[in-house]
N, C-alpha and C. Protein backbone atom coordinates (compact mmCIF):
# COMPACT_ATOMS: atom_id res chain seq x y z
N UNK A 1 -32.73 -13.20 2.50
CA UNK A 1 -31.31 -12.93 2.35
C UNK A 1 -30.58 -14.27 2.26
N UNK A 2 -29.67 -14.39 1.32
CA UNK A 2 -28.91 -15.63 1.15
C UNK A 2 -27.96 -15.82 2.33
N UNK A 3 -27.53 -17.07 2.54
CA UNK A 3 -26.60 -17.37 3.63
C UNK A 3 -25.29 -16.60 3.46
N UNK A 4 -24.81 -16.50 2.21
CA UNK A 4 -23.57 -15.76 1.95
C UNK A 4 -23.73 -14.28 2.28
N UNK A 5 -24.85 -13.69 1.87
CA UNK A 5 -25.08 -12.27 2.14
C UNK A 5 -25.22 -12.03 3.64
N UNK A 6 -25.85 -12.95 4.33
CA UNK A 6 -25.99 -12.83 5.78
C UNK A 6 -24.63 -12.91 6.48
N UNK A 7 -23.78 -13.83 6.02
CA UNK A 7 -22.42 -13.94 6.59
C UNK A 7 -21.65 -12.64 6.37
N UNK A 8 -21.77 -12.09 5.17
CA UNK A 8 -21.04 -10.85 4.86
C UNK A 8 -21.57 -9.69 5.69
N UNK A 9 -22.89 -9.65 5.91
CA UNK A 9 -23.47 -8.58 6.72
C UNK A 9 -22.97 -8.66 8.17
N UNK A 10 -22.92 -9.87 8.71
CA UNK A 10 -22.41 -10.03 10.08
C UNK A 10 -20.94 -9.63 10.15
N UNK A 11 -20.18 -9.98 9.14
CA UNK A 11 -18.76 -9.63 9.12
C UNK A 11 -18.60 -8.11 9.03
N UNK A 12 -19.40 -7.48 8.18
CA UNK A 12 -19.32 -6.03 8.02
C UNK A 12 -19.68 -5.30 9.32
N UNK A 13 -20.54 -5.90 10.14
CA UNK A 13 -20.93 -5.26 11.40
C UNK A 13 -19.74 -5.11 12.35
N UNK A 14 -18.68 -5.89 12.13
CA UNK A 14 -17.49 -5.77 12.97
C UNK A 14 -16.81 -4.42 12.81
N UNK A 15 -17.01 -3.76 11.70
CA UNK A 15 -16.40 -2.44 11.52
C UNK A 15 -16.92 -1.47 12.58
N UNK A 16 -18.17 -1.64 12.99
CA UNK A 16 -18.76 -0.76 13.99
C UNK A 16 -18.42 -1.18 15.41
N UNK A 17 -18.25 -2.49 15.64
CA UNK A 17 -18.04 -2.97 17.00
C UNK A 17 -16.57 -3.02 17.41
N UNK A 18 -15.65 -2.93 16.47
CA UNK A 18 -14.21 -2.97 16.76
C UNK A 18 -13.75 -1.54 17.03
N UNK A 19 -13.12 -1.31 18.19
CA UNK A 19 -12.77 0.06 18.59
C UNK A 19 -11.94 0.82 17.56
N UNK A 20 -10.86 0.22 17.08
CA UNK A 20 -10.01 0.92 16.12
C UNK A 20 -10.75 1.16 14.81
N UNK A 21 -11.44 0.15 14.31
CA UNK A 21 -12.10 0.28 13.01
C UNK A 21 -13.25 1.27 13.07
N UNK A 22 -13.97 1.32 14.19
CA UNK A 22 -15.05 2.31 14.30
C UNK A 22 -14.46 3.72 14.42
N UNK A 23 -13.30 3.86 15.08
CA UNK A 23 -12.63 5.15 15.17
C UNK A 23 -12.22 5.63 13.78
N UNK A 24 -11.75 4.70 12.95
CA UNK A 24 -11.37 5.05 11.58
C UNK A 24 -12.57 5.46 10.74
N UNK A 25 -13.75 4.93 11.08
CA UNK A 25 -14.99 5.18 10.33
C UNK A 25 -14.97 4.52 8.95
N UNK A 26 -14.34 3.34 8.88
CA UNK A 26 -14.38 2.54 7.65
C UNK A 26 -15.79 2.08 7.37
N UNK A 27 -16.16 1.99 6.11
CA UNK A 27 -17.46 1.42 5.75
C UNK A 27 -17.29 0.49 4.55
N UNK A 28 -18.19 -0.48 4.48
CA UNK A 28 -18.17 -1.45 3.38
C UNK A 28 -18.88 -0.86 2.18
N UNK A 29 -18.21 -0.86 1.04
CA UNK A 29 -18.81 -0.45 -0.23
C UNK A 29 -19.30 -1.70 -0.96
N UNK A 30 -18.44 -2.71 -1.01
CA UNK A 30 -18.78 -3.99 -1.65
C UNK A 30 -18.12 -5.11 -0.86
N UNK A 31 -18.79 -6.27 -0.83
CA UNK A 31 -18.19 -7.44 -0.21
C UNK A 31 -18.74 -8.67 -0.91
N UNK A 32 -17.84 -9.51 -1.36
CA UNK A 32 -18.20 -10.79 -1.96
C UNK A 32 -17.10 -11.77 -1.59
N UNK A 33 -17.30 -13.00 -1.90
CA UNK A 33 -16.31 -14.01 -1.53
C UNK A 33 -14.96 -13.66 -2.16
N UNK A 34 -13.95 -13.46 -1.31
CA UNK A 34 -12.60 -13.20 -1.78
C UNK A 34 -12.29 -11.76 -2.16
N UNK A 35 -13.22 -10.84 -1.89
CA UNK A 35 -12.99 -9.45 -2.30
C UNK A 35 -13.81 -8.50 -1.42
N UNK A 36 -13.19 -7.42 -1.00
CA UNK A 36 -13.91 -6.36 -0.30
C UNK A 36 -13.46 -5.01 -0.82
N UNK A 37 -14.36 -4.05 -0.71
CA UNK A 37 -14.05 -2.66 -1.01
C UNK A 37 -14.54 -1.85 0.19
N UNK A 38 -13.64 -1.07 0.78
CA UNK A 38 -13.97 -0.21 1.91
C UNK A 38 -13.82 1.24 1.49
N UNK A 39 -14.54 2.11 2.18
CA UNK A 39 -14.38 3.56 2.03
C UNK A 39 -13.91 4.12 3.36
N UNK A 40 -12.98 5.05 3.30
CA UNK A 40 -12.49 5.74 4.49
C UNK A 40 -12.59 7.23 4.22
N UNK A 41 -13.51 7.92 4.90
CA UNK A 41 -13.61 9.36 4.69
C UNK A 41 -12.38 10.08 5.26
N UNK A 42 -11.92 11.08 4.53
CA UNK A 42 -10.77 11.86 5.02
C UNK A 42 -11.16 12.53 6.33
N UNK A 43 -10.22 12.54 7.25
CA UNK A 43 -10.41 13.21 8.54
C UNK A 43 -9.06 13.82 8.92
N UNK A 44 -9.08 15.02 9.43
CA UNK A 44 -7.82 15.68 9.80
C UNK A 44 -7.03 14.90 10.84
N UNK A 45 -7.72 14.06 11.63
CA UNK A 45 -7.00 13.26 12.64
C UNK A 45 -6.07 12.24 11.99
N UNK A 46 -6.26 11.96 10.69
CA UNK A 46 -5.40 11.03 9.95
C UNK A 46 -4.24 11.72 9.24
N UNK A 47 -4.21 13.05 9.29
CA UNK A 47 -3.29 13.81 8.44
C UNK A 47 -1.93 14.05 9.10
N UNK A 48 -0.92 14.06 8.25
CA UNK A 48 0.41 14.50 8.68
C UNK A 48 0.32 15.99 9.01
N UNK A 49 1.03 16.42 10.04
CA UNK A 49 0.91 17.80 10.52
C UNK A 49 1.36 18.81 9.46
N UNK A 50 2.51 18.62 8.88
CA UNK A 50 3.07 19.61 7.95
C UNK A 50 2.35 19.64 6.61
N UNK A 51 2.05 18.46 6.05
CA UNK A 51 1.53 18.41 4.68
C UNK A 51 0.02 18.30 4.57
N UNK A 52 -0.64 17.82 5.62
CA UNK A 52 -2.08 17.62 5.56
C UNK A 52 -2.49 16.39 4.77
N UNK A 53 -1.53 15.58 4.37
CA UNK A 53 -1.83 14.35 3.63
C UNK A 53 -2.09 13.20 4.60
N UNK A 54 -2.78 12.18 4.13
CA UNK A 54 -3.08 11.02 4.96
C UNK A 54 -1.78 10.36 5.41
N UNK A 55 -1.66 10.11 6.69
CA UNK A 55 -0.47 9.47 7.26
C UNK A 55 -0.32 8.06 6.69
N UNK A 56 0.91 7.68 6.37
CA UNK A 56 1.17 6.36 5.79
C UNK A 56 0.74 5.21 6.68
N UNK A 57 0.76 5.41 7.99
CA UNK A 57 0.31 4.36 8.90
C UNK A 57 -1.17 4.07 8.76
N UNK A 58 -1.96 5.08 8.46
CA UNK A 58 -3.39 4.88 8.21
C UNK A 58 -3.57 4.06 6.94
N UNK A 59 -2.81 4.40 5.91
CA UNK A 59 -2.89 3.66 4.64
C UNK A 59 -2.52 2.19 4.86
N UNK A 60 -1.44 1.94 5.57
CA UNK A 60 -1.03 0.56 5.84
C UNK A 60 -2.09 -0.18 6.66
N UNK A 61 -2.70 0.51 7.62
CA UNK A 61 -3.74 -0.11 8.44
C UNK A 61 -4.93 -0.53 7.61
N UNK A 62 -5.37 0.33 6.68
CA UNK A 62 -6.54 -0.05 5.88
C UNK A 62 -6.21 -1.15 4.88
N UNK A 63 -4.96 -1.22 4.42
CA UNK A 63 -4.56 -2.33 3.56
C UNK A 63 -4.63 -3.63 4.35
N UNK A 64 -4.10 -3.64 5.55
CA UNK A 64 -4.13 -4.83 6.40
C UNK A 64 -5.57 -5.22 6.73
N UNK A 65 -6.38 -4.25 7.10
CA UNK A 65 -7.76 -4.52 7.50
C UNK A 65 -8.59 -5.05 6.33
N UNK A 66 -8.53 -4.38 5.19
CA UNK A 66 -9.31 -4.83 4.03
C UNK A 66 -8.86 -6.22 3.59
N UNK A 67 -7.56 -6.45 3.61
CA UNK A 67 -7.03 -7.76 3.22
C UNK A 67 -7.52 -8.86 4.16
N UNK A 68 -7.50 -8.57 5.46
CA UNK A 68 -7.99 -9.55 6.43
C UNK A 68 -9.46 -9.86 6.23
N UNK A 69 -10.25 -8.83 5.98
CA UNK A 69 -11.68 -9.05 5.74
C UNK A 69 -11.90 -9.84 4.46
N UNK A 70 -11.15 -9.54 3.40
CA UNK A 70 -11.29 -10.29 2.15
C UNK A 70 -11.02 -11.77 2.38
N UNK A 71 -9.97 -12.07 3.13
CA UNK A 71 -9.67 -13.47 3.43
C UNK A 71 -10.76 -14.11 4.27
N UNK A 72 -11.29 -13.37 5.23
CA UNK A 72 -12.32 -13.95 6.09
C UNK A 72 -13.60 -14.27 5.33
N UNK A 73 -13.83 -13.61 4.19
CA UNK A 73 -15.02 -13.96 3.40
C UNK A 73 -14.90 -15.35 2.79
N UNK A 74 -13.70 -15.92 2.78
CA UNK A 74 -13.52 -17.26 2.22
C UNK A 74 -13.73 -18.35 3.27
N UNK A 75 -13.91 -17.97 4.53
CA UNK A 75 -14.14 -18.93 5.60
C UNK A 75 -15.62 -19.29 5.66
N UNK A 76 -15.92 -20.52 6.08
CA UNK A 76 -17.31 -20.92 6.26
C UNK A 76 -17.98 -20.11 7.38
N UNK A 77 -17.24 -19.80 8.42
CA UNK A 77 -17.74 -19.02 9.56
C UNK A 77 -16.81 -17.82 9.77
N UNK A 78 -16.99 -16.75 8.99
CA UNK A 78 -16.05 -15.63 9.04
C UNK A 78 -15.86 -15.00 10.41
N UNK A 79 -16.91 -14.92 11.21
CA UNK A 79 -16.79 -14.27 12.53
C UNK A 79 -15.99 -15.12 13.51
N UNK A 80 -15.98 -16.42 13.30
CA UNK A 80 -15.23 -17.31 14.19
C UNK A 80 -13.83 -17.56 13.66
N UNK A 81 -13.56 -17.08 12.47
CA UNK A 81 -12.25 -17.29 11.85
C UNK A 81 -11.19 -16.46 12.54
N UNK A 82 -10.02 -17.03 12.63
CA UNK A 82 -8.89 -16.28 13.19
C UNK A 82 -7.79 -16.24 12.14
N UNK A 83 -7.09 -15.14 12.12
CA UNK A 83 -5.95 -14.99 11.22
C UNK A 83 -5.00 -13.99 11.84
N UNK A 84 -3.77 -14.09 11.43
CA UNK A 84 -2.79 -13.12 11.92
C UNK A 84 -1.85 -12.75 10.77
N UNK A 85 -1.53 -11.49 10.67
CA UNK A 85 -0.66 -11.00 9.61
C UNK A 85 0.76 -11.50 9.84
N UNK A 86 1.33 -12.11 8.81
CA UNK A 86 2.73 -12.52 8.88
C UNK A 86 3.61 -11.64 7.99
N UNK A 87 3.00 -10.97 7.01
CA UNK A 87 3.75 -10.07 6.14
C UNK A 87 2.79 -9.02 5.60
N UNK A 88 3.20 -7.77 5.67
CA UNK A 88 2.42 -6.65 5.15
C UNK A 88 3.37 -5.74 4.41
N UNK A 89 3.07 -5.48 3.13
CA UNK A 89 3.90 -4.52 2.41
C UNK A 89 3.01 -3.45 1.81
N UNK A 90 3.52 -2.24 1.84
CA UNK A 90 2.79 -1.08 1.33
C UNK A 90 3.73 -0.29 0.44
N UNK A 91 3.27 -0.01 -0.77
CA UNK A 91 4.03 0.80 -1.71
C UNK A 91 3.24 2.11 -1.92
N UNK A 92 3.83 3.20 -1.48
CA UNK A 92 3.18 4.50 -1.58
C UNK A 92 3.48 5.10 -2.94
N UNK A 93 2.44 5.52 -3.64
CA UNK A 93 2.57 6.02 -5.00
C UNK A 93 2.49 7.55 -5.05
N UNK A 94 1.54 8.11 -4.32
CA UNK A 94 1.37 9.57 -4.27
C UNK A 94 0.62 9.90 -2.98
N UNK A 95 0.69 11.15 -2.54
CA UNK A 95 0.00 11.53 -1.31
C UNK A 95 -1.52 11.54 -1.50
N UNK A 96 -2.23 11.29 -0.42
CA UNK A 96 -3.70 11.33 -0.44
C UNK A 96 -4.16 12.49 0.43
N UNK A 97 -5.07 13.28 -0.11
CA UNK A 97 -5.62 14.43 0.63
C UNK A 97 -7.14 14.40 0.64
N UNK A 98 -7.71 13.25 0.29
CA UNK A 98 -9.17 13.12 0.19
C UNK A 98 -9.55 11.73 0.70
N UNK A 99 -10.84 11.40 0.58
CA UNK A 99 -11.33 10.09 1.00
C UNK A 99 -10.55 8.98 0.30
N UNK A 100 -10.42 7.84 0.99
CA UNK A 100 -9.75 6.68 0.42
C UNK A 100 -10.77 5.61 0.05
N UNK A 101 -10.48 4.93 -1.03
CA UNK A 101 -11.21 3.72 -1.44
C UNK A 101 -10.17 2.60 -1.41
N UNK A 102 -10.50 1.52 -0.71
CA UNK A 102 -9.55 0.43 -0.48
C UNK A 102 -10.15 -0.86 -1.02
N UNK A 103 -9.51 -1.46 -2.02
CA UNK A 103 -10.00 -2.70 -2.61
C UNK A 103 -8.98 -3.80 -2.37
N UNK A 104 -9.43 -4.87 -1.73
CA UNK A 104 -8.55 -6.01 -1.45
C UNK A 104 -9.14 -7.25 -2.09
N UNK A 105 -8.26 -8.04 -2.69
CA UNK A 105 -8.67 -9.28 -3.35
C UNK A 105 -7.75 -10.42 -2.92
N UNK A 106 -8.37 -11.56 -2.69
CA UNK A 106 -7.62 -12.74 -2.29
C UNK A 106 -6.92 -13.33 -3.51
N UNK A 107 -5.64 -13.54 -3.40
CA UNK A 107 -4.86 -14.22 -4.43
C UNK A 107 -4.93 -15.73 -4.19
N UNK A 108 -4.79 -16.11 -2.92
CA UNK A 108 -4.88 -17.53 -2.55
C UNK A 108 -5.32 -17.63 -1.10
N UNK A 109 -6.27 -18.51 -0.85
CA UNK A 109 -6.70 -18.82 0.51
C UNK A 109 -6.56 -20.32 0.70
N UNK A 110 -5.43 -20.73 1.24
CA UNK A 110 -5.19 -22.14 1.49
C UNK A 110 -5.70 -22.56 2.85
N UNK A 111 -5.28 -23.73 3.29
CA UNK A 111 -5.73 -24.24 4.58
C UNK A 111 -5.13 -23.43 5.73
N UNK A 112 -3.85 -23.07 5.61
CA UNK A 112 -3.19 -22.37 6.72
C UNK A 112 -2.56 -21.04 6.33
N UNK A 113 -2.57 -20.70 5.05
CA UNK A 113 -1.95 -19.45 4.61
C UNK A 113 -2.84 -18.77 3.58
N UNK A 114 -2.91 -17.45 3.68
CA UNK A 114 -3.67 -16.66 2.72
C UNK A 114 -2.83 -15.50 2.22
N UNK A 115 -3.03 -15.13 0.95
CA UNK A 115 -2.29 -14.05 0.32
C UNK A 115 -3.29 -13.12 -0.36
N UNK A 116 -3.06 -11.82 -0.23
CA UNK A 116 -3.95 -10.84 -0.85
C UNK A 116 -3.15 -9.79 -1.60
N UNK A 117 -3.86 -9.07 -2.46
CA UNK A 117 -3.35 -7.86 -3.11
C UNK A 117 -4.35 -6.75 -2.83
N UNK A 118 -3.86 -5.53 -2.72
CA UNK A 118 -4.74 -4.43 -2.34
C UNK A 118 -4.34 -3.16 -3.10
N UNK A 119 -5.35 -2.34 -3.39
CA UNK A 119 -5.11 -1.05 -4.05
C UNK A 119 -5.89 0.02 -3.30
N UNK A 120 -5.22 1.12 -3.01
CA UNK A 120 -5.85 2.25 -2.34
C UNK A 120 -5.87 3.41 -3.33
N UNK A 121 -7.06 3.99 -3.51
CA UNK A 121 -7.19 5.12 -4.43
C UNK A 121 -7.79 6.31 -3.69
N UNK A 122 -7.60 7.48 -4.27
CA UNK A 122 -8.15 8.72 -3.73
C UNK A 122 -8.27 9.71 -4.88
N UNK A 123 -9.10 10.71 -4.68
CA UNK A 123 -9.22 11.75 -5.69
C UNK A 123 -8.01 12.67 -5.56
N UNK A 124 -7.31 12.85 -6.66
CA UNK A 124 -6.11 13.69 -6.71
C UNK A 124 -6.26 14.62 -7.91
N UNK A 125 -6.30 15.92 -7.64
CA UNK A 125 -6.48 16.91 -8.70
C UNK A 125 -7.71 16.60 -9.55
N UNK A 126 -8.81 16.25 -8.88
CA UNK A 126 -10.09 16.03 -9.55
C UNK A 126 -10.27 14.67 -10.20
N UNK A 127 -9.29 13.79 -10.07
CA UNK A 127 -9.36 12.48 -10.72
C UNK A 127 -8.98 11.39 -9.71
N UNK A 128 -9.70 10.26 -9.75
CA UNK A 128 -9.37 9.14 -8.86
C UNK A 128 -8.09 8.48 -9.34
N UNK A 129 -7.11 8.40 -8.43
CA UNK A 129 -5.81 7.82 -8.77
C UNK A 129 -5.34 6.89 -7.67
N UNK A 130 -4.45 5.98 -8.03
CA UNK A 130 -3.85 5.07 -7.06
C UNK A 130 -2.91 5.87 -6.16
N UNK A 131 -3.09 5.72 -4.84
CA UNK A 131 -2.17 6.36 -3.89
C UNK A 131 -1.25 5.33 -3.22
N UNK A 132 -1.68 4.07 -3.20
CA UNK A 132 -0.83 3.02 -2.63
C UNK A 132 -1.30 1.66 -3.12
N UNK A 133 -0.38 0.74 -3.18
CA UNK A 133 -0.71 -0.66 -3.43
C UNK A 133 -0.04 -1.47 -2.33
N UNK A 134 -0.52 -2.65 -2.13
CA UNK A 134 0.08 -3.47 -1.08
C UNK A 134 -0.31 -4.92 -1.22
N UNK A 135 0.23 -5.68 -0.33
CA UNK A 135 -0.08 -7.09 -0.29
C UNK A 135 0.14 -7.61 1.11
N UNK A 136 -0.52 -8.70 1.42
CA UNK A 136 -0.39 -9.30 2.74
C UNK A 136 -0.28 -10.81 2.62
N UNK A 137 0.32 -11.38 3.64
CA UNK A 137 0.30 -12.82 3.84
C UNK A 137 -0.19 -13.03 5.27
N UNK A 138 -1.08 -13.97 5.44
CA UNK A 138 -1.66 -14.26 6.75
C UNK A 138 -1.50 -15.73 7.09
N UNK A 139 -1.37 -16.01 8.36
CA UNK A 139 -1.52 -17.37 8.87
C UNK A 139 -2.99 -17.51 9.20
N UNK A 140 -3.63 -18.52 8.63
CA UNK A 140 -5.06 -18.75 8.83
C UNK A 140 -5.27 -19.85 9.86
N UNK A 141 -6.24 -19.64 10.72
CA UNK A 141 -6.61 -20.64 11.73
C UNK A 141 -8.07 -21.01 11.49
N UNK A 142 -8.27 -21.97 10.61
CA UNK A 142 -9.62 -22.41 10.29
C UNK A 142 -10.07 -23.39 11.36
N UNK A 143 -11.35 -23.35 11.71
CA UNK A 143 -11.88 -24.25 12.73
C UNK A 143 -11.61 -25.70 12.37
N UNK A 144 -11.66 -26.03 11.11
CA UNK A 144 -11.46 -27.41 10.68
C UNK A 144 -10.01 -27.86 10.86
N UNK A 145 -9.09 -26.88 11.04
CA UNK A 145 -7.68 -27.23 11.22
C UNK A 145 -7.44 -28.07 12.46
N UNK A 146 -8.27 -27.83 13.48
CA UNK A 146 -7.98 -28.43 14.76
C UNK A 146 -6.93 -27.62 15.51
N UNK A 147 -6.46 -26.52 14.91
CA UNK A 147 -5.48 -25.65 15.56
C UNK A 147 -6.18 -24.79 16.60
N UNK A 148 -5.57 -24.63 17.73
CA UNK A 148 -6.06 -23.67 18.71
C UNK A 148 -5.64 -22.29 18.24
N UNK A 149 -6.47 -21.30 18.54
CA UNK A 149 -6.10 -19.93 18.21
C UNK A 149 -4.97 -19.51 19.13
N UNK A 150 -3.93 -18.90 18.60
CA UNK A 150 -2.85 -18.44 19.46
C UNK A 150 -3.34 -17.32 20.36
N UNK A 151 -2.67 -17.11 21.45
CA UNK A 151 -3.04 -16.05 22.39
C UNK A 151 -3.15 -14.72 21.67
N UNK A 152 -4.24 -14.01 21.92
CA UNK A 152 -4.41 -12.69 21.33
C UNK A 152 -5.04 -12.70 19.95
N UNK A 153 -5.19 -13.84 19.32
CA UNK A 153 -5.80 -13.88 17.99
C UNK A 153 -7.26 -14.22 18.18
N UNK A 154 -8.13 -13.28 17.82
CA UNK A 154 -9.55 -13.50 18.02
C UNK A 154 -10.35 -13.32 16.74
N UNK A 155 -9.68 -13.15 15.63
CA UNK A 155 -10.37 -13.03 14.35
C UNK A 155 -10.90 -11.64 14.06
N UNK A 156 -10.68 -10.65 14.92
CA UNK A 156 -11.16 -9.30 14.68
C UNK A 156 -10.37 -8.62 13.58
N UNK A 157 -11.04 -7.96 12.66
CA UNK A 157 -10.54 -7.33 11.46
C UNK A 157 -9.07 -7.01 11.31
N UNK A 158 -8.49 -6.15 12.10
CA UNK A 158 -7.14 -5.65 11.82
C UNK A 158 -6.11 -6.37 12.67
N UNK A 159 -5.77 -7.56 12.32
CA UNK A 159 -4.76 -8.30 13.06
C UNK A 159 -3.55 -8.53 12.22
C-alpha cells in the first residue's frame, strides 16, 4: 500500500471512531488528495417530522465534515492536523428523501487557510439530483506552522 493510500485509510478510520460521525454512519466512497466522496444512508432519525425529508442540519453537517476531510488529505500528517471552520454556507436546492452522496473538493489549501466547495446529491424521483451545494473556509493549524492548537481543536472530522 502506498504511503498516500495508507494515510487516507487511517483518516477514513476516524469516521468509525468519532462519536457523531459513527452515529451518522458516514462511509468513504472515494478519497484522494484534495477530494473526498462520502455516502450517508437515509435514516428516519435524520428526517423532519412532518415531511420525512432529510433535516437541513444533517446536510450542513455532512458538508462541513466532507470539506474538513478533503482539506486534511492535503496535510502531510492528516490525523495530527487541526482545523476549525470559520465559515460554512449551505444552499438547499431540493428536499432529500433518500441516501446522500457528498462530494467535497479543495479550492485552495494554503498555510493557514483552506477553502472548499461541496455538492450533495440524492435520488429524487428515480434520478440522482443535486439537493444542496455549499462551501467552507477553515483556519488550518499545520504542524510546520509552529502554531499551538487552540483549545478544543483536535483535528477530528467535523469541526
